[in-house]
Protein backbone atom coordinates (compact mmCIF):
# COMPACT_ATOMS: atom_id res chain seq x y z
CA MET A 1 347.02 292.50 174.59
CA LYS A 2 349.54 290.16 172.99
CA ASN A 3 346.92 288.90 170.54
CA ARG A 4 346.39 292.44 169.20
CA GLU A 5 350.13 292.92 168.75
CA VAL A 6 350.36 289.75 166.70
CA LYS A 7 347.43 290.97 164.60
CA TYR A 8 349.23 294.24 163.86
CA ILE A 9 352.41 292.38 162.95
CA TRP A 10 350.44 290.36 160.39
CA ILE A 11 348.93 293.57 159.02
CA ALA A 12 352.42 295.03 158.60
CA ILE A 13 353.59 291.87 156.83
CA ALA A 14 350.58 292.02 154.51
CA CYS A 15 351.38 295.64 153.64
CA ALA A 16 355.00 294.75 152.93
CA CYS A 17 353.85 291.90 150.67
CA LEU A 18 351.55 294.27 148.80
CA LEU A 19 354.44 296.62 148.19
CA ILE A 20 356.65 293.79 146.93
CA VAL A 21 353.92 292.53 144.61
CA SER A 22 353.38 296.03 143.24
CA HIS A 23 357.07 296.33 142.43
CA LEU A 24 357.03 292.94 140.74
CA LEU A 25 354.08 294.01 138.60
CA LEU A 26 356.15 296.90 137.27
CA PHE A 27 358.27 294.51 135.19
CA LYS A 28 358.09 295.19 131.48
CA HIS A 29 356.52 291.80 130.91
CA PHE A 30 353.47 292.64 133.02
CA ILE A 31 353.13 296.39 132.51
CA GLU A 32 351.66 295.98 128.99
CA GLN A 33 348.74 293.93 130.28
CA SER A 34 345.57 295.76 131.22
CA TRP A 35 344.98 293.88 134.49
CA ALA A 36 348.38 294.99 135.79
CA GLU A 37 347.50 298.64 135.28
CA TYR A 38 344.28 298.32 137.27
CA SER A 39 345.98 296.29 140.00
CA LEU A 40 348.73 298.87 140.39
CA ALA A 41 346.19 301.69 140.55
CA VAL A 42 344.28 300.06 143.42
CA ILE A 43 347.25 299.19 145.65
CA PRO A 44 347.76 302.67 147.21
CA PHE A 45 344.08 302.85 148.12
CA VAL A 46 344.22 299.38 149.70
CA LEU A 47 347.27 300.39 151.72
CA ALA A 48 345.56 303.60 152.85
CA ALA A 49 342.47 301.65 153.93
CA ILE A 50 344.59 299.13 155.84
CA ALA A 51 346.46 301.97 157.57
CA PHE A 52 343.20 303.74 158.46
CA PHE A 53 341.62 300.67 160.04
CA ALA A 54 344.83 299.67 161.81
CA LEU A 55 345.19 303.13 163.31
CA ARG A 56 341.54 303.18 164.31
CA GLY A 57 341.95 299.81 166.03
CA ALA A 58 345.14 300.95 167.76
CA ILE A 59 343.45 304.11 169.06
CA LYS A 60 340.52 302.07 170.39
CA ALA A 61 342.89 299.62 172.04
CA ASN A 62 344.93 302.45 173.59
CA SER A 63 341.93 304.34 174.91
CA GLY A 64 340.38 301.18 176.33
CA ALA A 65 343.55 300.14 178.18
């Protein structure tokens, strides 16, 4: 049980880091580069996928306990 909780803490930290990186990419220095535009467009979908799989894993863990 404790191992799963640590896993979800690391997932939350990864999501927070993704949000910080996306805000850093919004600087004027980076926003004019094409790779920044594509990176910023993908981040919400990555966060949604992480949330979906984390919720699915939490539901499985809760129903199995």
